[in-house]
C-alpha atoms as a PDB file:
ATOM      1  CA  MET A   1     -22.625  22.378 -20.046  1.00  0.00           C
ATOM      2  CA  VAL A   2     -22.883  18.575 -19.872  1.00  0.00           C
ATOM      3  CA  LYS A   3     -19.247  18.184 -20.973  1.00  0.00           C
ATOM      4  CA  GLN A   4     -18.093  20.561 -18.249  1.00  0.00           C
ATOM      5  CA  ILE A   5     -19.842  18.463 -15.580  1.00  0.00           C
ATOM      6  CA  TYR A   6     -18.309  15.263 -17.003  1.00  0.00           C
ATOM      7  CA  TYR A   7     -14.803  16.737 -16.971  1.00  0.00           C
ATOM      8  CA  PHE A   8     -15.334  18.048 -13.459  1.00  0.00           C
ATOM      9  CA  LYS A   9     -16.331  14.582 -12.251  1.00  0.00           C
ATOM     10  CA  LYS A  10     -13.421  12.979 -14.063  1.00  0.00           C
ATOM     11  CA  TYR A  11     -11.058  15.542 -12.550  1.00  0.00           C
ATOM     12  CA  ASN A  12     -12.505  14.874  -9.084  1.00  0.00           C
ATOM     13  CA  GLN A  13     -12.015  11.110  -9.516  1.00  0.00           C
ATOM     14  CA  GLU A  14      -8.358  11.601 -10.351  1.00  0.00           C
ATOM     15  CA  ILE A  15      -7.874  13.918  -7.361  1.00  0.00           C
ATOM     16  CA  PHE A  16      -9.656  11.427  -5.097  1.00  0.00           C
ATOM     17  CA  PHE A  17      -7.524   8.532  -6.398  1.00  0.00           C
ATOM     18  CA  THR A  18      -4.311  10.510  -5.901  1.00  0.00           C
ATOM     19  CA  PHE A  19      -5.392  11.718  -2.458  1.00  0.00           C
ATOM     20  CA  VAL A  20      -6.246   8.215  -1.187  1.00  0.00           C
ATOM     21  CA  SER A  21      -3.000   6.733  -2.532  1.00  0.00           C
ATOM     22  CA  SER A  22      -0.975   9.583  -1.050  1.00  0.00           C
ATOM     23  CA  LEU A  23      -2.727   9.247   2.301  1.00  0.00           C
ATOM     24  CA  ILE A  24      -1.776   5.565   2.520  1.00  0.00           C
ATOM     25  CA  VAL A  25       1.845   6.364   1.626  1.00  0.00           C
ATOM     26  CA  PHE A  26       1.941   9.216   4.164  1.00  0.00           C
ATOM     27  CA  PHE A  27       0.621   7.149   7.088  1.00  0.00           C
ATOM     28  CA  ASP A  28       2.759   4.165   6.124  1.00  0.00           C
ATOM     29  CA  GLN A  29       5.940   6.235   6.040  1.00  0.00           C
ATOM     30  CA  LEU A  30       4.993   8.188   9.180  1.00  0.00           C
ATOM     31  CA  THR A  31       4.412   5.050  11.241  1.00  0.00           C
ATOM     32  CA  LYS A  32       7.625   3.466   9.945  1.00  0.00           C
ATOM     33  CA  TYR A  33       9.506   6.630  10.906  1.00  0.00           C
ATOM     34  CA  LEU A  34       8.039   6.601  14.422  1.00  0.00           C
ATOM     35  CA  VAL A  35       8.985   2.976  14.940  1.00  0.00           C
ATOM     36  CA  SER A  36      12.475   3.141  13.432  1.00  0.00           C
ATOM     37  CA  SER A  37      13.729   6.619  14.359  1.00  0.00           C
ATOM     38  CA  LEU A  38      12.019   7.196  17.657  1.00  0.00           C
ATOM     39  CA  LYS A  39      12.421   3.551  18.738  1.00  0.00           C
ATOM     40  CA  LEU A  40       8.690   3.367  19.421  1.00  0.00           C
ATOM     41  CA  GLN A  41       7.775   0.068  21.089  1.00  0.00           C
ATOM     42  CA  LEU A  42       4.611  -1.281  22.629  1.00  0.00           C
ATOM     43  CA  ASP A  43       4.040  -4.705  24.123  1.00  0.00           C
ATOM     44  CA  LEU A  44       0.491  -5.838  24.821  1.00  0.00           C
ATOM     45  CA  LYS A  45      -0.777  -9.388  25.231  1.00  0.00           C
ATOM     46  CA  LEU A  46      -1.873  -9.917  21.628  1.00  0.00           C
ATOM     47  CA  LEU A  47      -0.008  -7.107  19.881  1.00  0.00           C
ATOM     48  CA  THR A  48       3.610  -6.033  19.820  1.00  0.00           C
ATOM     49  CA  ILE A  49       4.845  -2.905  18.056  1.00  0.00           C
ATOM     50  CA  HIS A  50       8.565  -3.137  17.338  1.00  0.00           C
ATOM     51  CA  PHE A  51      11.073  -2.624  14.525  1.00  0.00           C
ATOM     52  CA  VAL A  52      11.475  -5.552  12.109  1.00  0.00           C
ATOM     53  CA  LYS A  53      13.753  -5.427   9.074  1.00  0.00           C
ATOM     54  CA  ASN A  54      12.097  -7.408   6.226  1.00  0.00           C
ATOM     55  CA  THR A  55      14.363  -8.143   3.260  1.00  0.00           C
ATOM     56  CA  GLY A  56      11.722 -10.266   1.539  1.00  0.00           C
ATOM     57  CA  ALA A  57       8.069 -10.135   0.602  1.00  0.00           C
ATOM     58  CA  GLY A  58       5.014 -11.220   2.589  1.00  0.00           C
ATOM     59  CA  PHE A  59       5.429 -14.235   4.866  1.00  0.00           C
ATOM     60  CA  GLY A  60       9.210 -14.077   4.390  1.00  0.00           C
ATOM     61  CA  ILE A  61       9.228 -15.289   0.783  1.00  0.00           C
ATOM     62  CA  LEU A  62      11.989 -14.090  -1.545  1.00  0.00           C
ATOM     63  CA  LYS A  63      14.237 -13.192   1.385  1.00  0.00           C
ATOM     64  CA  ASN A  64      17.190 -10.963   0.386  1.00  0.00           C
ATOM     65  CA  GLN A  65      15.757 -10.424  -3.121  1.00  0.00           C
ATOM     66  CA  THR A  66      15.414  -6.639  -2.815  1.00  0.00           C
ATOM     67  CA  SER A  67      16.316  -5.945  -6.453  1.00  0.00           C
ATOM     68  CA  ILE A  68      13.670  -8.315  -7.793  1.00  0.00           C
ATOM     69  CA  LEU A  69      11.041  -7.045  -5.349  1.00  0.00           C
ATOM     70  CA  THR A  70      11.884  -3.420  -6.169  1.00  0.00           C
ATOM     71  CA  PHE A  71      11.504  -4.161  -9.876  1.00  0.00           C
ATOM     72  CA  ILE A  72       8.198  -5.999  -9.365  1.00  0.00           C
ATOM     73  CA  SER A  73       6.799  -3.212  -7.144  1.00  0.00           C
ATOM     74  CA  SER A  74       7.905  -0.550  -9.624  1.00  0.00           C
ATOM     75  CA  ALA A  75       6.317  -2.454 -12.507  1.00  0.00           C
ATOM     76  CA  ILE A  76       3.037  -2.915 -10.617  1.00  0.00           C
ATOM     77  CA  ALA A  77       2.865   0.786  -9.684  1.00  0.00           C
ATOM     78  CA  PHE A  78       3.765   1.843 -13.228  1.00  0.00           C
ATOM     79  CA  VAL A  79       1.163  -0.442 -14.846  1.00  0.00           C
ATOM     80  CA  LEU A  80      -1.542   0.663 -12.416  1.00  0.00           C
ATOM     81  CA  ILE A  81      -0.858   4.339 -13.138  1.00  0.00           C
ATOM     82  CA  ILE A  82      -0.713   3.772 -16.910  1.00  0.00           C
ATOM     83  CA  MET A  83      -3.907   1.679 -16.832  1.00  0.00           C
ATOM     84  CA  TYR A  84      -5.780   4.122 -14.558  1.00  0.00           C
ATOM     85  CA  LYS A  85      -8.298   4.961 -17.299  1.00  0.00           C
ATOM     86  CA  LYS A  86      -9.348   1.286 -17.420  1.00  0.00           C
ATOM     87  CA  ILE A  87     -10.289   1.205 -13.734  1.00  0.00           C
ATOM     88  CA  PRO A  88     -14.077   1.236 -13.303  1.00  0.00           C
ATOM     89  CA  LYS A  89     -15.213   4.710 -12.292  1.00  0.00           C
ATOM     90  CA  GLU A  90     -17.301   3.602  -9.316  1.00  0.00           C
ATOM     91  CA  LYS A  91     -16.064   4.996  -6.018  1.00  0.00           C
ATOM     92  CA  THR A  92     -15.526   1.499  -4.583  1.00  0.00           C
ATOM     93  CA  SER A  93     -13.156   0.359  -7.318  1.00  0.00           C
ATOM     94  CA  GLN A  94     -11.370   3.722  -7.386  1.00  0.00           C
ATOM     95  CA  THR A  95     -10.853   3.568  -3.616  1.00  0.00           C
ATOM     96  CA  LEU A  96      -9.638  -0.032  -3.593  1.00  0.00           C
ATOM     97  CA  PHE A  97      -7.178   0.480  -6.454  1.00  0.00           C
ATOM     98  CA  ALA A  98      -5.926   3.701  -4.819  1.00  0.00           C
ATOM     99  CA  ILE A  99      -5.361   1.898  -1.509  1.00  0.00           C
ATOM    100  CA  PHE A 100      -3.520  -0.859  -3.373  1.00  0.00           C
ATOM    101  CA  LEU A 101      -1.276   1.646  -5.167  1.00  0.00           C
ATOM    102  CA  GLY A 102      -0.545   3.462  -1.907  1.00  0.00           C
ATOM    103  CA  GLY A 103       0.507   0.206  -0.270  1.00  0.00           C
ATOM    104  CA  VAL A 104       2.754  -0.786  -3.161  1.00  0.00           C
ATOM    105  CA  VAL A 105       4.410   2.649  -3.237  1.00  0.00           C
ATOM    106  CA  GLY A 106       4.830   2.714   0.554  1.00  0.00           C
ATOM    107  CA  ASN A 107       6.856  -0.494   0.527  1.00  0.00           C
ATOM    108  CA  LEU A 108       8.630   0.497  -2.693  1.00  0.00           C
ATOM    109  CA  ILE A 109       9.984   3.626  -0.994  1.00  0.00           C
ATOM    110  CA  ASP A 110      11.512   1.464   1.751  1.00  0.00           C
ATOM    111  CA  ARG A 111      13.036  -1.005  -0.689  1.00  0.00           C
ATOM    112  CA  PHE A 112      14.468   1.747  -2.858  1.00  0.00           C
ATOM    113  CA  PHE A 113      15.959   3.906  -0.094  1.00  0.00           C
ATOM    114  CA  LEU A 114      16.682   1.358   2.659  1.00  0.00           C
ATOM    115  CA  GLY A 115      17.107  -1.961   0.854  1.00  0.00           C
ATOM    116  CA  TYR A 116      14.458  -3.545   3.086  1.00  0.00           C
ATOM    117  CA  VAL A 117      10.908  -2.917   4.295  1.00  0.00           C
ATOM    118  CA  ILE A 118      10.185  -1.799   7.842  1.00  0.00           C
ATOM    119  CA  ASP A 119       7.547  -3.987   9.491  1.00  0.00           C
ATOM    120  CA  PHE A 120       6.341  -3.298  13.005  1.00  0.00           C
ATOM    121  CA  ILE A 121       2.846  -4.654  13.690  1.00  0.00           C
ATOM    122  CA  ASP A 122       3.234  -8.094  15.242  1.00  0.00           C
ATOM    123  CA  PHE A 123       0.335 -10.166  16.542  1.00  0.00           C
ATOM    124  CA  ASN A 124       2.781 -12.874  17.687  1.00  0.00           C
ATOM    125  CA  PHE A 125       0.907 -15.557  15.711  1.00  0.00           C
ATOM    126  CA  TRP A 126       1.255 -13.893  12.301  1.00  0.00           C
ATOM    127  CA  PRO A 127       4.307 -12.490  10.493  1.00  0.00           C
ATOM    128  CA  ALA A 128       5.023  -8.835  11.298  1.00  0.00           C
ATOM    129  CA  PHE A 129       3.594  -6.319   8.812  1.00  0.00           C
ATOM    130  CA  ASN A 130       3.059  -2.592   8.281  1.00  0.00           C
ATOM    131  CA  ILE A 131       0.401  -0.142   7.079  1.00  0.00           C
ATOM    132  CA  ALA A 132       1.343  -0.692   3.412  1.00  0.00           C
ATOM    133  CA  ASP A 133       1.030  -4.474   3.782  1.00  0.00           C
ATOM    134  CA  ALA A 134      -2.365  -4.071   5.441  1.00  0.00           C
ATOM    135  CA  ALA A 135      -3.485  -1.695   2.668  1.00  0.00           C
ATOM    136  CA  ILE A 136      -2.430  -4.163  -0.036  1.00  0.00           C
ATOM    137  CA  SER A 137      -4.153  -7.099   1.695  1.00  0.00           C
ATOM    138  CA  ILE A 138      -7.387  -5.217   2.385  1.00  0.00           C
ATOM    139  CA  SER A 139      -7.549  -3.811  -1.145  1.00  0.00           C
ATOM    140  CA  VAL A 140      -6.887  -7.182  -2.790  1.00  0.00           C
ATOM    141  CA  ILE A 141      -9.630  -8.834  -0.721  1.00  0.00           C
ATOM    142  CA  GLY A 142     -11.948  -5.919  -1.502  1.00  0.00           C
ATOM    143  CA  LEU A 143     -11.158  -6.102  -5.234  1.00  0.00           C
ATOM    144  CA  ILE A 144     -11.806  -9.849  -5.324  1.00  0.00           C
ATOM    145  CA  ILE A 145     -15.216  -9.282  -3.707  1.00  0.00           C
ATOM    146  CA  TYR A 146     -15.909  -6.275  -5.965  1.00  0.00           C
ATOM    147  CA  PHE A 147     -15.172  -8.146  -9.206  1.00  0.00           C
ATOM    148  CA  TRP A 148     -16.852 -11.330  -8.006  1.00  0.00           C
ATOM    149  CA  LYS A 149     -20.128  -9.437  -7.476  1.00  0.00           C
ATOM    150  CA  ARG A 150     -19.934  -7.694 -10.881  1.00  0.00           C
END
């Protein structure tokens, strides 16, 4: 009976991890679709929503290096999936790693199929970004705090 409960929990953790990652990818791709295909635009004082074609990584580094960035993103996603069993089983770490993976995969899809990443959230004082970028940034900050406190 104890083994059945353990396997059930383990199974639930894997479903949760997959669900959270998939949710990030879904919302990232949905918002990019709305901005690029439907020409969605919004202009407020502090925030502008508009289509930006990003051929590099964050803050414009590695501009026009899509092949390298696609390889790096693929390697990160692959390693994270392969090393899943090493991720601490606490809900916090599972959630943060799942958010990170979702962000990486969201941008990887763009790089693979479009050759660039669609950014659209622009605060006018910060480089434009997207849901995947926000997910990666939030998860990395959360993971630093999580491991620092351990």
